[in-house]
C-alpha atoms as a PDB file:
ATOM      1  CA  UNK A   1     133.545 102.846 107.002  1.00  0.00           C
ATOM      2  CA  UNK A   2     130.206 102.258 105.367  1.00  0.00           C
ATOM      3  CA  UNK A   3     127.584 104.952 105.736  1.00  0.00           C
ATOM      4  CA  UNK A   4     124.096 103.963 106.752  1.00  0.00           C
ATOM      5  CA  UNK A   5     121.462 104.957 104.234  1.00  0.00           C
ATOM      6  CA  UNK A   6     118.533 106.744 105.812  1.00  0.00           C
ATOM      7  CA  UNK A   7     114.992 106.872 104.479  1.00  0.00           C
ATOM      8  CA  UNK A   8     112.696 109.904 104.519  1.00  0.00           C
ATOM      9  CA  UNK A   9     110.418 108.010 106.823  1.00  0.00           C
ATOM     10  CA  UNK A  10     113.261 107.911 109.417  1.00  0.00           C
ATOM     11  CA  UNK A  11     112.694 111.670 110.023  1.00  0.00           C
ATOM     12  CA  UNK A  12     110.801 112.783 113.170  1.00  0.00           C
ATOM     13  CA  UNK A  13     107.010 112.608 112.763  1.00  0.00           C
ATOM     14  CA  UNK A  14     106.594 116.413 113.162  1.00  0.00           C
ATOM     15  CA  UNK A  15     109.096 117.052 110.369  1.00  0.00           C
ATOM     16  CA  UNK A  16     107.276 114.597 108.112  1.00  0.00           C
ATOM     17  CA  UNK A  17     104.002 116.321 108.952  1.00  0.00           C
ATOM     18  CA  UNK A  18     105.519 119.674 108.008  1.00  0.00           C
ATOM     19  CA  UNK A  19     106.818 118.291 104.717  1.00  0.00           C
ATOM     20  CA  UNK A  20     103.361 116.825 103.960  1.00  0.00           C
ATOM     21  CA  UNK A  21     101.705 120.143 104.805  1.00  0.00           C
ATOM     22  CA  UNK A  22     104.048 122.019 102.492  1.00  0.00           C
ATOM     23  CA  UNK A  23     103.351 119.550  99.694  1.00  0.00           C
ATOM     24  CA  UNK A  24      99.601 119.928 100.217  1.00  0.00           C
ATOM     25  CA  UNK A  25      99.820 123.712 100.039  1.00  0.00           C
ATOM     26  CA  UNK A  26     101.939 123.728  96.852  1.00  0.00           C
ATOM     27  CA  UNK A  27     100.388 124.871  93.553  1.00  0.00           C
ATOM     28  CA  UNK A  28      99.795 121.258  92.540  1.00  0.00           C
ATOM     29  CA  UNK A  29      98.921 120.239  96.098  1.00  0.00           C
ATOM     30  CA  UNK A  30      96.196 117.731  95.443  1.00  0.00           C
ATOM     31  CA  UNK A  31      98.089 115.864  92.742  1.00  0.00           C
ATOM     32  CA  UNK A  32     101.358 115.962  94.633  1.00  0.00           C
ATOM     33  CA  UNK A  33      99.767 114.739  97.864  1.00  0.00           C
ATOM     34  CA  UNK A  34      98.074 111.906  95.985  1.00  0.00           C
ATOM     35  CA  UNK A  35     101.518 110.859  94.673  1.00  0.00           C
ATOM     36  CA  UNK A  36     103.043 111.221  98.134  1.00  0.00           C
ATOM     37  CA  UNK A  37     100.433 108.808  99.609  1.00  0.00           C
ATOM     38  CA  UNK A  38     101.808 106.020  97.438  1.00  0.00           C
ATOM     39  CA  UNK A  39     105.298 106.356  99.004  1.00  0.00           C
ATOM     40  CA  UNK A  40     104.614 104.719 102.331  1.00  0.00           C
ATOM     41  CA  UNK A  41     101.926 103.914 104.891  1.00  0.00           C
ATOM     42  CA  UNK A  42     103.280 106.670 107.114  1.00  0.00           C
ATOM     43  CA  UNK A  43     102.378 109.283 104.546  1.00  0.00           C
ATOM     44  CA  UNK A  44      98.958 107.653 104.286  1.00  0.00           C
ATOM     45  CA  UNK A  45      98.529 108.123 108.023  1.00  0.00           C
ATOM     46  CA  UNK A  46      99.706 111.736 107.770  1.00  0.00           C
ATOM     47  CA  UNK A  47      97.260 112.406 104.961  1.00  0.00           C
ATOM     48  CA  UNK A  48      94.337 111.785 107.362  1.00  0.00           C
ATOM     49  CA  UNK A  49      95.424 114.707 109.499  1.00  0.00           C
ATOM     50  CA  UNK A  50      92.660 117.356 109.550  1.00  0.00           C
ATOM     51  CA  UNK A  51      95.165 120.252 109.304  1.00  0.00           C
ATOM     52  CA  UNK A  52      96.687 118.758 106.180  1.00  0.00           C
ATOM     53  CA  UNK A  53      93.311 117.989 104.625  1.00  0.00           C
ATOM     54  CA  UNK A  54      92.182 121.522 105.154  1.00  0.00           C
ATOM     55  CA  UNK A  55      95.327 122.911 103.491  1.00  0.00           C
ATOM     56  CA  UNK A  56      95.239 120.883 100.285  1.00  0.00           C
ATOM     57  CA  UNK A  57      95.279 123.125  97.198  1.00  0.00           C
ATOM     58  CA  UNK A  58      93.059 122.222  94.250  1.00  0.00           C
ATOM     59  CA  UNK A  59      94.115 125.189  92.084  1.00  0.00           C
ATOM     60  CA  UNK A  60      95.461 123.221  89.157  1.00  0.00           C
ATOM     61  CA  UNK A  61      93.012 120.269  89.222  1.00  0.00           C
ATOM     62  CA  UNK A  62      91.152 119.883  86.002  1.00  0.00           C
ATOM     63  CA  UNK A  63      87.722 118.183  86.065  1.00  0.00           C
ATOM     64  CA  UNK A  64      87.955 117.258  82.401  1.00  0.00           C
ATOM     65  CA  UNK A  65      90.388 114.432  83.187  1.00  0.00           C
ATOM     66  CA  UNK A  66      87.450 112.291  84.423  1.00  0.00           C
ATOM     67  CA  UNK A  67      84.657 112.772  86.860  1.00  0.00           C
ATOM     68  CA  UNK A  68      85.039 109.215  88.238  1.00  0.00           C
ATOM     69  CA  UNK A  69      88.253 110.312  90.062  1.00  0.00           C
ATOM     70  CA  UNK A  70      86.270 112.905  92.016  1.00  0.00           C
ATOM     71  CA  UNK A  71      83.291 110.689  92.912  1.00  0.00           C
ATOM     72  CA  UNK A  72      85.132 108.222  95.109  1.00  0.00           C
ATOM     73  CA  UNK A  73      83.725 108.478  98.636  1.00  0.00           C
ATOM     74  CA  UNK A  74      87.100 107.421 100.176  1.00  0.00           C
ATOM     75  CA  UNK A  75      89.005 109.744  97.828  1.00  0.00           C
ATOM     76  CA  UNK A  76      91.111 112.717  98.634  1.00  0.00           C
ATOM     77  CA  UNK A  77      88.496 115.309  97.552  1.00  0.00           C
ATOM     78  CA  UNK A  78      85.811 113.833  99.839  1.00  0.00           C
ATOM     79  CA  UNK A  79      88.163 113.613 102.782  1.00  0.00           C
ATOM     80  CA  UNK A  80      89.294 117.199 102.288  1.00  0.00           C
ATOM     81  CA  UNK A  81      85.695 118.426 101.990  1.00  0.00           C
ATOM     82  CA  UNK A  82      84.796 116.651 105.221  1.00  0.00           C
ATOM     83  CA  UNK A  83      87.692 118.348 106.973  1.00  0.00           C
ATOM     84  CA  UNK A  84      86.350 121.750 105.933  1.00  0.00           C
ATOM     85  CA  UNK A  85      88.478 122.449 102.829  1.00  0.00           C
ATOM     86  CA  UNK A  86      86.476 125.085 100.852  1.00  0.00           C
ATOM     87  CA  UNK A  87      88.257 124.291  97.579  1.00  0.00           C
ATOM     88  CA  UNK A  88      87.398 120.623  97.868  1.00  0.00           C
ATOM     89  CA  UNK A  89      83.779 121.430  98.546  1.00  0.00           C
ATOM     90  CA  UNK A  90      83.820 123.664  95.449  1.00  0.00           C
ATOM     91  CA  UNK A  91      85.242 120.791  93.414  1.00  0.00           C
ATOM     92  CA  UNK A  92      82.547 118.403  94.703  1.00  0.00           C
ATOM     93  CA  UNK A  93      79.889 120.956  93.748  1.00  0.00           C
ATOM     94  CA  UNK A  94      81.332 121.257  90.264  1.00  0.00           C
ATOM     95  CA  UNK A  95      81.460 117.512  89.969  1.00  0.00           C
ATOM     96  CA  UNK A  96      77.813 117.172  91.042  1.00  0.00           C
ATOM     97  CA  UNK A  97      76.682 119.807  88.530  1.00  0.00           C
ATOM     98  CA  UNK A  98      78.707 118.325  85.669  1.00  0.00           C
ATOM     99  CA  UNK A  99      77.639 114.745  86.340  1.00  0.00           C
ATOM    100  CA  UNK A 100      73.926 115.606  86.706  1.00  0.00           C
ATOM    101  CA  UNK A 101      73.951 117.729  83.552  1.00  0.00           C
ATOM    102  CA  UNK A 102      75.573 114.846  81.640  1.00  0.00           C
ATOM    103  CA  UNK A 103      72.752 112.593  82.866  1.00  0.00           C
ATOM    104  CA  UNK A 104      70.156 115.053  81.575  1.00  0.00           C
ATOM    105  CA  UNK A 105      71.802 115.370  78.164  1.00  0.00           C
ATOM    106  CA  UNK A 106      72.621 111.693  77.709  1.00  0.00           C
END
């Protein structure tokens, strides 16, 4: 008898939401969530949930990798900040200060 292969997206929506929430809260939450979004459209839908956006951890995000990644209006940092994520708002503030100081120097 052949076993049917199941996909992660076959799980109940609430279970997938919990998995996404745990990924978002992990130490590399922002980076891991960004990777998770590329898995399927279902995870993209889940990533727009306000509860998940508020929980995303930005602890290990380094701004030196490039400011352009943090200046995308439709990006994860902006969406998290709009949902009320204090860490995302802090990242946006740092991005604004760094980008404006580079304009003054350059």
